[in-house]
Amino acid sequence: MARKLPAGVLSAVKKVRGGVKVSHHKNTAETEVVRMPAPAKVVIPMQQHIGAPCEPVVKVGDTVAVGQLIGDTDKYVSAPIHASVSGTVTAIGDIKMPNGTMAKAVTIESDGEMRLWEGIKPPVVETREDLIKAVRESGLVGLGGAGFPTHVKLNFPADKNIDTLVVNAAECEPFITVDYRECMENSWDILAGVYLLKDLLGFKQVVIAVEDNKPEAFKVLKNIADHEVDVHDEVKLMVLESKYPQGAEKMMVQSATGRRVPPGKLPADVGCVVMNVASVAFIARYVKTGKPLVSRSLTIDGSAIKEPKNVRVPVGTSISEIIDFCGGFSTDPCKILTGGPMMGLAIVGTDLPVLKQNNAILAFAQGDAVLKPETDCIRCGRCAAACPMSLMPTNIVRAAKTKDVSMLKTAGVMVCMECGSCAFDCPAGKPLVQHMRLAKAILREEGNK
């Protein structure tokens, strides 16, 4: 039965192809975000974004306060990093990241006071240039999981003819509910962020897109779309079909505007900027307070978590401490993920720090983390039907096994966004996402020769 939506809510302009229906498991949807006490120490990696890593600007023995700059670089595609607790820098050295790479990190022993750095003050934001400068100084990266530096996304050429801001509140991954809680608890920050971005960056329209499994969020966000400031009715609320990976940027653009982002291109190439709803709200808070990105909200859930919660934690907090805050494990976990079950990253231990772009920690018991037994491909075509990028995964797998570079290029494997829809729908249990990654690695290796 179709859900009854508030009057004035728009339907998607165009349905995207492919994708899969996944169980939502939004167990913490009505659980308000609670703030975790300051940990005894934080370990803050200098690589928390797509692009160039930062270099520490502090040294061992320095006393730091919350919001103080501790890492930066002169490289454009990057984002500065700030202390998330007050205390003393006790170590600077390499640590292993969740993806297995090494990165430099700053360890701060907390004094328990959470003192704000005395240099924190609201930025002066009156022009487009002021806004982009402020966003960079805030250290904001995409809070939906990608971690792309936000100031780079917003610094599009004035002649690019970008007319639409799409605010992504879809949250299509199972279990994760922090964006939903952002809508429910911080709607006025979303409102302020939307109009700040619209006015200073010159967007002609704003579409706030939410999946149809979040009817309560519609009621709250409708106040934004109908606000008296929007005299020209340029801010719209749109309901999208609950279908994974609806929240992916290219899917979102097509659903919200009907425009198709060509292979190898970005939303900006078709006149759009897509921003996560939490990122929009954070910009409003930063302009008001001047406090940079030093904490983030996470969904802690899964069958192995004793007390599932939405929590706000300082960046760099150990995953093990966060799980302890949620009552610990109810049983020995078989699999632990940072992020959602579709695109999240499996980790081998809980001694890793939380990064800016993390939005969930999920832990599953033995019976809930069983892979399908792999069998022979039956050429059913379900993987191709599920692919939102219109790829033929079986052709790519065949080319990857034979290292046929020409065929991989023709098959368009670099367009794959590794959403996992193909693997989810494969009755043969093929590890198709891993094959896609292998195929990409083959092309990159060929390009480096």
Protein backbone atom coordinates (compact mmCIF):
# COMPACT_ATOMS: atom_id res chain seq x y z
CA MET A 1 0.00 0.00 0.00
CA ALA A 2 1.39 3.40 -0.97
CA ARG A 3 2.18 5.74 1.89
CA LYS A 4 0.16 8.96 2.09
CA LEU A 5 2.53 11.91 1.80
CA PRO A 6 2.07 15.53 2.86
CA ALA A 7 0.50 17.80 0.27
CA GLY A 8 2.96 19.57 -2.00
CA VAL A 9 5.66 16.88 -1.90
CA LEU A 10 6.97 16.19 -5.41
CA SER A 11 7.53 12.79 -6.95
CA ALA A 12 10.80 11.87 -8.61
CA VAL A 13 11.20 13.38 -12.07
CA LYS A 14 12.61 10.15 -13.46
CA LYS A 15 13.01 6.64 -12.09
CA VAL A 16 16.53 5.32 -12.39
CA ARG A 17 17.28 1.94 -13.91
CA GLY A 18 18.62 -0.99 -11.99
CA GLY A 19 19.14 -1.07 -8.25
CA VAL A 20 17.77 -3.54 -5.75
CA LYS A 21 15.20 -3.69 -3.00
CA VAL A 22 16.95 -4.22 0.33
CA SER A 23 15.56 -4.71 3.81
CA HIS A 24 15.73 -1.36 5.59
CA HIS A 25 16.50 -2.48 9.16
CA LYS A 26 16.20 1.13 10.36
CA ASN A 27 16.17 -0.04 13.98
CA THR A 28 17.51 3.23 15.44
CA ALA A 29 15.31 5.58 13.41
CA GLU A 30 13.47 6.86 16.47
CA THR A 31 16.55 6.86 18.70
CA GLU A 32 17.79 10.40 19.31
CA VAL A 33 21.49 11.07 18.91
CA VAL A 34 23.29 11.00 22.26
CA ARG A 35 26.68 12.57 22.87
CA MET A 36 29.44 10.25 24.02
CA PRO A 37 31.71 11.51 26.84
CA ALA A 38 35.22 12.54 25.87
CA PRO A 39 37.49 9.51 25.44
CA ALA A 40 40.80 9.23 27.29
CA LYS A 41 42.62 9.75 24.00
CA VAL A 42 41.99 10.19 20.30
CA VAL A 43 44.09 9.10 17.34
CA ILE A 44 43.47 11.48 14.44
CA PRO A 45 44.75 10.37 11.01
CA MET A 46 45.99 13.01 8.59
CA GLN A 47 44.17 11.24 5.74
CA GLN A 48 40.42 11.61 6.26
CA HIS A 49 39.38 12.72 2.82
CA ILE A 50 39.79 12.01 -0.86
CA GLY A 51 42.92 13.82 -2.04
CA ALA A 52 46.26 14.81 -0.56
CA PRO A 53 46.94 13.92 3.09
CA CYS A 54 47.63 16.66 5.61
CA GLU A 55 50.89 17.15 7.47
CA PRO A 56 50.86 17.68 11.24
CA VAL A 57 51.32 21.32 12.32
CA VAL A 58 51.77 20.36 15.98
CA LYS A 59 54.53 18.42 17.73
CA VAL A 60 54.72 15.96 20.61
CA GLY A 61 54.26 17.78 23.91
CA ASP A 62 52.05 20.56 22.52
CA THR A 63 48.88 21.43 24.41
CA VAL A 64 45.86 21.69 22.12
CA ALA A 65 42.20 22.61 22.46
CA VAL A 66 39.03 21.53 20.66
CA GLY A 67 38.91 23.04 17.18
CA GLN A 68 42.60 23.91 17.01
CA LEU A 69 44.30 23.18 13.68
CA ILE A 70 46.58 20.13 13.91
CA GLY A 71 47.00 19.18 10.24
CA ASP A 72 46.95 20.96 6.88
CA THR A 73 48.48 21.06 3.41
CA ASP A 74 48.80 23.51 0.53
CA LYS A 75 47.36 20.94 -1.89
CA TYR A 76 44.00 21.99 -3.30
CA VAL A 77 42.11 18.69 -3.02
CA SER A 78 42.37 18.24 0.73
CA ALA A 79 40.79 19.45 3.95
CA PRO A 80 42.40 20.69 7.20
CA ILE A 81 42.13 18.59 10.36
CA HIS A 82 41.43 19.86 13.88
CA ALA A 83 41.78 18.59 17.43
CA SER A 84 38.60 16.88 18.62
CA VAL A 85 39.52 16.96 22.34
CA SER A 86 41.60 19.25 24.52
CA GLY A 87 44.79 17.84 25.97
CA THR A 88 48.38 17.01 25.07
CA VAL A 89 49.88 15.63 21.87
CA THR A 90 51.59 12.42 22.98
CA ALA A 91 52.57 10.83 19.66
CA ILE A 92 52.85 11.44 15.93
CA GLY A 93 53.39 8.37 13.81
CA ASP A 94 52.02 5.99 11.21
CA ILE A 95 48.92 3.88 11.75
CA LYS A 96 47.13 1.36 9.56
CA MET A 97 43.83 2.65 8.16
CA PRO A 98 40.66 0.56 7.75
CA ASN A 99 41.44 0.05 4.04
CA GLY A 100 44.89 -1.35 4.86
CA THR A 101 46.93 1.70 3.82
CA MET A 102 49.27 3.56 6.16
CA ALA A 103 48.74 7.17 7.25
CA LYS A 104 50.36 9.60 9.63
CA ALA A 105 48.30 10.27 12.76
CA VAL A 106 48.33 12.63 15.75
CA THR A 107 47.53 11.11 19.16
CA ILE A 108 46.06 13.45 21.78
CA GLU A 109 45.69 12.47 25.42
CA SER A 110 42.52 14.16 26.67
CA ASP A 111 42.47 16.35 29.78
CA GLY A 112 38.72 15.68 30.09
CA GLU A 113 37.87 19.38 29.87
CA MET A 114 36.90 19.63 26.16
CA ARG A 115 38.13 23.25 26.16
CA LEU A 116 37.39 25.15 22.97
CA TRP A 117 40.35 26.74 21.22
CA GLU A 118 40.44 30.45 21.97
CA GLY A 119 40.79 31.29 18.28
CA ILE A 120 37.34 29.94 17.38
CA LYS A 121 35.03 32.64 16.07
CA PRO A 122 32.28 32.79 13.45
CA PRO A 123 33.66 33.50 9.97
CA VAL A 124 32.55 36.56 8.03
CA VAL A 125 30.54 35.16 5.12
CA GLU A 126 29.11 37.76 2.76
CA THR A 127 30.24 36.59 -0.67
CA ARG A 128 30.70 33.38 -2.63
CA GLU A 129 34.45 33.55 -2.02
CA ASP A 130 33.90 34.04 1.71
CA LEU A 131 31.72 30.94 1.83
CA ILE A 132 34.17 28.69 -0.02
CA LYS A 133 37.05 29.91 2.17
CA ALA A 134 35.01 29.27 5.32
CA VAL A 135 34.00 25.77 4.19
CA ARG A 136 37.64 24.87 3.60
CA GLU A 137 38.70 26.24 7.01
CA SER A 138 35.94 24.19 8.65
CA GLY A 139 37.55 20.95 7.47
CA LEU A 140 34.25 19.71 6.02
CA VAL A 141 34.27 16.64 3.80
CA GLY A 142 31.27 14.77 2.44
CA LEU A 143 29.48 13.32 5.46
CA GLY A 144 27.55 10.78 3.43
CA GLY A 145 30.60 8.52 3.35
CA ALA A 146 32.61 9.60 0.31
CA GLY A 147 34.85 12.08 2.15
CA PHE A 148 35.36 14.45 -0.81
CA PRO A 149 36.51 17.93 0.35
CA THR A 150 33.38 20.08 0.25
CA HIS A 151 35.12 23.35 -0.63
CA VAL A 152 36.33 21.77 -3.89
CA LYS A 153 32.80 20.68 -4.80
CA LEU A 154 31.41 24.16 -4.13
CA ASN A 155 34.19 26.03 -5.95
CA PHE A 156 32.78 25.48 -9.41
CA PRO A 157 33.53 28.03 -12.17
CA ALA A 158 31.03 30.86 -12.35
CA ASP A 159 30.46 30.14 -16.06
CA LYS A 160 29.68 26.46 -15.43
CA ASN A 161 25.93 27.23 -15.45
CA ILE A 162 25.16 25.20 -12.35
CA ASP A 163 21.56 25.91 -11.41
CA THR A 164 20.45 23.12 -9.04
CA LEU A 165 21.42 22.05 -5.54
CA VAL A 166 20.23 18.55 -4.64
CA VAL A 167 20.21 17.89 -0.89
CA ASN A 168 20.59 14.15 -0.40
CA ALA A 169 18.56 12.84 2.53
CA ALA A 170 17.84 9.46 0.92
CA GLU A 171 20.01 7.33 3.25
CA CYS A 172 19.33 4.21 1.20
CA GLU A 173 21.82 1.91 2.99
CA PRO A 174 20.19 -0.48 5.48
CA PHE A 175 20.60 0.19 9.23
CA ILE A 176 22.04 3.74 8.96
CA THR A 177 19.75 6.44 10.40
CA VAL A 178 21.97 9.44 11.25
CA ASP A 179 20.77 11.50 8.27
CA TYR A 180 17.18 10.80 9.26
CA ARG A 181 17.98 11.99 12.78
CA GLU A 182 19.60 15.11 11.30
CA CYS A 183 16.29 15.88 9.59
CA MET A 184 14.29 15.24 12.74
CA GLU A 185 16.57 17.03 15.22
CA ASN A 186 18.29 19.80 13.24
CA SER A 187 15.80 20.90 10.60
CA TRP A 188 16.48 24.59 11.21
CA ASP A 189 20.19 24.08 10.54
CA ILE A 190 19.21 22.41 7.26
CA LEU A 191 16.96 25.39 6.50
CA ALA A 192 19.73 27.88 7.20
CA GLY A 193 22.28 25.91 5.19
CA VAL A 194 19.98 25.57 2.19
CA TYR A 195 19.32 29.30 1.92
CA LEU A 196 22.93 30.26 2.61
CA LEU A 197 24.14 28.02 -0.23
CA LYS A 198 21.31 29.07 -2.52
CA ASP A 199 21.87 32.79 -2.02
CA LEU A 200 25.67 32.90 -2.18
CA LEU A 201 26.24 30.26 -4.87
CA GLY A 202 23.35 31.34 -7.07
CA PHE A 203 21.35 28.12 -7.30
CA LYS A 204 18.06 28.72 -9.07
CA GLN A 205 16.41 25.72 -7.44
CA VAL A 206 17.01 23.39 -4.50
CA VAL A 207 15.62 19.86 -4.32
CA ILE A 208 15.61 18.12 -0.93
CA ALA A 209 15.29 14.43 -1.78
CA VAL A 210 14.08 11.80 0.72
CA GLU A 211 13.15 8.16 0.23
CA ASP A 212 9.52 7.23 0.80
CA ASN A 213 10.30 5.09 3.87
CA LYS A 214 10.79 8.24 5.98
CA PRO A 215 7.32 9.83 6.18
CA GLU A 216 8.07 11.63 9.47
CA ALA A 217 11.02 13.37 7.82
CA PHE A 218 8.65 14.67 5.13
CA LYS A 219 6.55 16.43 7.73
CA VAL A 220 9.57 18.15 9.25
CA LEU A 221 11.26 19.05 5.96
CA LYS A 222 8.00 20.32 4.49
CA ASN A 223 8.41 23.30 6.82
CA ILE A 224 11.67 24.07 5.03
CA ALA A 225 10.22 23.80 1.54
CA ASP A 226 7.24 25.97 2.52
CA HIS A 227 9.18 28.53 4.57
CA GLU A 228 8.20 32.18 4.04
CA VAL A 229 11.78 33.05 3.02
CA ASP A 230 11.23 31.05 -0.18
CA VAL A 231 9.00 33.63 -1.81
CA HIS A 232 9.70 32.33 -5.32
CA ASP A 233 9.02 28.69 -4.41
CA GLU A 234 12.51 27.58 -5.44
CA VAL A 235 13.07 25.02 -2.66
CA LYS A 236 11.24 21.75 -3.25
CA LEU A 237 10.82 18.56 -1.24
CA MET A 238 10.88 15.40 -3.37
CA VAL A 239 9.98 11.82 -2.46
CA LEU A 240 12.05 9.05 -4.04
CA GLU A 241 11.29 5.35 -4.32
CA SER A 242 13.02 3.35 -1.58
CA LYS A 243 15.49 1.56 -3.76
CA TYR A 244 19.21 1.03 -3.35
CA PRO A 245 21.45 2.83 -4.51
CA GLN A 246 19.06 5.76 -4.76
CA GLY A 247 21.43 7.94 -2.72
CA ALA A 248 24.35 7.70 -5.16
CA GLU A 249 25.12 11.09 -6.72
CA LYS A 250 24.42 10.18 -10.32
CA MET A 251 21.24 8.33 -9.39
CA MET A 252 20.13 11.26 -7.26
CA VAL A 253 20.64 13.77 -10.07
CA GLN A 254 18.63 11.69 -12.50
CA SER A 255 15.79 11.14 -10.03
CA ALA A 256 15.61 14.79 -8.94
CA THR A 257 16.11 16.55 -12.28
CA GLY A 258 15.80 13.99 -15.07
CA ARG A 259 19.33 14.85 -16.20
CA ARG A 260 21.72 11.98 -16.93
CA VAL A 261 25.34 12.32 -15.87
CA PRO A 262 27.44 10.86 -18.72
CA PRO A 263 30.14 8.26 -18.03
CA GLY A 264 33.30 9.87 -16.69
CA LYS A 265 31.49 13.11 -15.86
CA LEU A 266 30.31 14.70 -12.62
CA PRO A 267 26.94 16.17 -11.54
CA ALA A 268 28.43 19.63 -12.12
CA ASP A 269 28.70 18.78 -15.83
CA VAL A 270 24.90 18.69 -16.02
CA GLY A 271 24.33 21.76 -13.87
CA CYS A 272 23.94 20.12 -10.44
CA VAL A 273 25.68 19.96 -7.08
CA VAL A 274 24.71 17.12 -4.72
CA MET A 275 25.29 17.53 -0.97
CA ASN A 276 24.52 15.28 1.95
CA VAL A 277 21.91 16.73 4.29
CA ALA A 278 24.28 16.58 7.29
CA SER A 279 26.90 18.54 5.33
CA VAL A 280 24.38 21.28 4.58
CA ALA A 281 23.38 21.51 8.24
CA PHE A 282 27.02 21.57 9.37
CA ILE A 283 27.81 24.56 7.12
CA ALA A 284 25.02 26.52 8.80
CA ARG A 285 26.36 25.66 12.25
CA TYR A 286 29.94 26.54 11.30
CA VAL A 287 28.97 29.94 9.95
CA LYS A 288 27.09 30.60 13.18
CA THR A 289 29.72 29.33 15.64
CA GLY A 290 33.05 28.95 13.85
CA LYS A 291 33.54 25.49 15.37
CA PRO A 292 35.14 23.19 12.77
CA LEU A 293 34.32 19.55 12.04
CA VAL A 294 35.63 17.77 15.15
CA SER A 295 32.83 15.29 15.85
CA ARG A 296 30.26 13.32 13.93
CA SER A 297 27.13 11.24 14.40
CA LEU A 298 27.22 7.48 13.89
CA THR A 299 24.67 4.70 13.85
CA ILE A 300 25.88 1.78 15.99
CA ASP A 301 23.78 -1.28 15.17
CA GLY A 302 23.75 -4.90 14.08
CA SER A 303 22.81 -8.20 15.68
CA ALA A 304 26.04 -8.33 17.72
CA ILE A 305 25.53 -4.89 19.36
CA LYS A 306 23.90 -5.02 22.78
CA GLU A 307 22.37 -1.51 22.79
CA PRO A 308 22.04 -0.04 19.28
CA LYS A 309 22.24 3.76 19.33
CA ASN A 310 22.88 6.90 17.35
CA VAL A 311 25.86 8.60 18.98
CA ARG A 312 27.87 11.78 18.52
CA VAL A 313 31.58 11.11 19.00
CA PRO A 314 34.84 13.10 18.71
CA VAL A 315 36.75 12.31 15.51
CA GLY A 316 39.57 9.90 16.33
CA THR A 317 37.69 8.00 19.05
CA SER A 318 38.46 4.28 19.09
CA ILE A 319 35.71 2.09 17.66
CA SER A 320 36.09 -0.23 20.65
CA GLU A 321 35.21 2.60 23.07
CA ILE A 322 32.14 3.50 21.04
CA ILE A 323 30.92 -0.08 21.08
CA ASP A 324 31.52 -0.22 24.85
CA PHE A 325 29.38 2.94 25.16
CA CYS A 326 26.62 0.99 23.42
CA GLY A 327 26.79 -1.85 25.96
CA GLY A 328 29.47 -3.85 24.16
CA PHE A 329 28.88 -6.95 22.09
CA SER A 330 25.90 -9.16 22.86
CA THR A 331 27.73 -12.04 21.20
CA ASP A 332 31.02 -12.59 19.43
CA PRO A 333 30.84 -10.63 16.18
CA CYS A 334 31.44 -12.47 12.93
CA LYS A 335 31.77 -9.29 10.85
CA ILE A 336 32.28 -5.63 11.74
CA LEU A 337 31.74 -2.86 9.18
CA THR A 338 32.38 0.84 8.99
CA GLY A 339 29.49 2.10 6.88
CA GLY A 340 26.51 0.17 5.60
CA PRO A 341 26.23 -3.50 4.62
CA MET A 342 26.18 -2.70 0.89
CA MET A 343 29.20 -0.41 0.51
CA GLY A 344 30.75 -0.45 3.96
CA LEU A 345 34.28 -1.61 4.67
CA ALA A 346 34.88 -4.77 6.71
CA ILE A 347 37.48 -4.26 9.44
CA VAL A 348 39.58 -6.83 11.27
CA GLY A 349 39.56 -5.18 14.70
CA THR A 350 38.00 -2.43 16.80
CA ASP A 351 41.17 -0.52 17.70
CA LEU A 352 40.75 1.75 14.68
CA PRO A 353 39.75 5.44 15.03
CA VAL A 354 36.55 7.00 13.73
CA LEU A 355 37.08 9.19 10.68
CA LYS A 356 35.15 12.25 9.50
CA GLN A 357 33.45 10.34 6.70
CA ASN A 358 32.29 7.38 8.83
CA ASN A 359 28.52 7.29 9.34
CA ALA A 360 28.00 3.87 10.95
CA ILE A 361 29.62 0.98 12.76
CA LEU A 362 27.77 -2.30 12.29
CA ALA A 363 28.57 -5.62 13.96
CA PHE A 364 26.86 -8.86 13.01
CA ALA A 365 26.60 -12.25 14.69
CA GLN A 366 27.59 -15.47 12.97
CA GLY A 367 24.19 -16.28 11.50
CA ASP A 368 23.72 -12.82 9.99
CA ALA A 369 27.03 -12.61 8.14
CA VAL A 370 26.95 -15.77 6.06
CA LEU A 371 27.93 -15.43 2.41
CA LYS A 372 26.02 -17.27 -0.29
CA PRO A 373 27.90 -20.36 -1.44
CA GLU A 374 29.47 -19.57 -4.82
CA THR A 375 28.19 -21.69 -7.70
CA ASP A 376 28.46 -21.57 -11.48
CA CYS A 377 27.04 -18.59 -13.34
CA ILE A 378 23.73 -19.52 -14.99
CA ARG A 379 23.69 -16.51 -17.36
CA CYS A 380 20.45 -15.25 -15.86
CA GLY A 381 21.30 -11.60 -16.47
CA ARG A 382 20.16 -10.41 -13.05
CA CYS A 383 23.48 -8.69 -12.40
CA ALA A 384 23.11 -6.62 -15.56
CA ALA A 385 19.49 -5.79 -14.77
CA ALA A 386 20.48 -4.61 -11.29
CA CYS A 387 23.38 -2.42 -12.44
CA PRO A 388 22.34 1.26 -12.28
CA MET A 389 25.20 2.14 -14.66
CA SER A 390 24.02 -0.28 -17.39
CA LEU A 391 27.17 -2.41 -17.23
CA MET A 392 27.50 -6.12 -18.04
CA PRO A 393 29.30 -7.54 -14.99
CA THR A 394 29.75 -11.01 -16.49
CA ASN A 395 31.66 -9.58 -19.47
CA ILE A 396 33.87 -7.56 -17.11
CA VAL A 397 34.60 -10.63 -14.97
CA ARG A 398 35.58 -12.63 -18.06
CA ALA A 399 37.87 -9.84 -19.27
CA ALA A 400 39.44 -9.41 -15.83
CA LYS A 401 40.27 -13.12 -15.60
CA THR A 402 42.10 -12.98 -18.94
CA LYS A 403 43.49 -9.47 -18.31
CA ASP A 404 41.96 -8.31 -21.59
CA VAL A 405 42.62 -4.57 -21.28
CA SER A 406 40.88 -3.68 -24.52
CA MET A 407 37.71 -5.49 -23.52
CA LEU A 408 37.74 -3.91 -20.05
CA LYS A 409 37.90 -0.45 -21.60
CA THR A 410 35.08 -1.29 -24.00
CA ALA A 411 32.99 -2.71 -21.15
CA GLY A 412 33.30 0.60 -19.24
CA VAL A 413 34.40 -0.87 -15.91
CA MET A 414 35.75 2.48 -14.67
CA VAL A 415 32.14 3.71 -14.59
CA CYS A 416 31.29 1.13 -11.90
CA MET A 417 30.64 2.77 -8.53
CA GLU A 418 30.96 -0.52 -6.62
CA CYS A 419 27.46 -0.25 -5.15
CA GLY A 420 27.15 -4.03 -4.87
CA SER A 421 23.72 -4.29 -6.50
CA CYS A 422 25.01 -6.90 -8.94
CA ALA A 423 26.44 -9.11 -6.20
CA PHE A 424 23.33 -8.70 -4.05
CA ASP A 425 21.10 -9.99 -6.85
CA CYS A 426 23.41 -12.76 -8.08
CA PRO A 427 21.86 -16.19 -7.36
CA ALA A 428 25.29 -17.80 -7.88
CA GLY A 429 26.88 -15.84 -5.04
CA LYS A 430 29.63 -14.41 -7.23
CA PRO A 431 31.91 -11.80 -5.55
CA LEU A 432 31.25 -9.37 -8.38
CA VAL A 433 32.34 -6.20 -6.59
CA GLN A 434 35.75 -7.74 -5.95
CA HIS A 435 35.97 -8.62 -9.63
CA MET A 436 35.12 -5.00 -10.52
CA ARG A 437 37.90 -3.73 -8.26
CA LEU A 438 40.35 -6.20 -9.78
CA ALA A 439 39.37 -5.08 -13.26
CA LYS A 440 39.93 -1.43 -12.35
CA ALA A 441 43.33 -2.29 -10.86
CA ILE A 442 44.30 -4.00 -14.14
CA LEU A 443 43.43 -0.86 -16.11
CA ARG A 444 45.27 1.40 -13.69
CA GLU A 445 48.35 -0.82 -13.85
CA GLU A 446 48.22 -0.70 -17.64
CA GLY A 447 47.93 3.10 -17.55
CA ASN A 448 51.03 3.37 -15.35
CA LYS A 449 53.22 1.48 -17.79
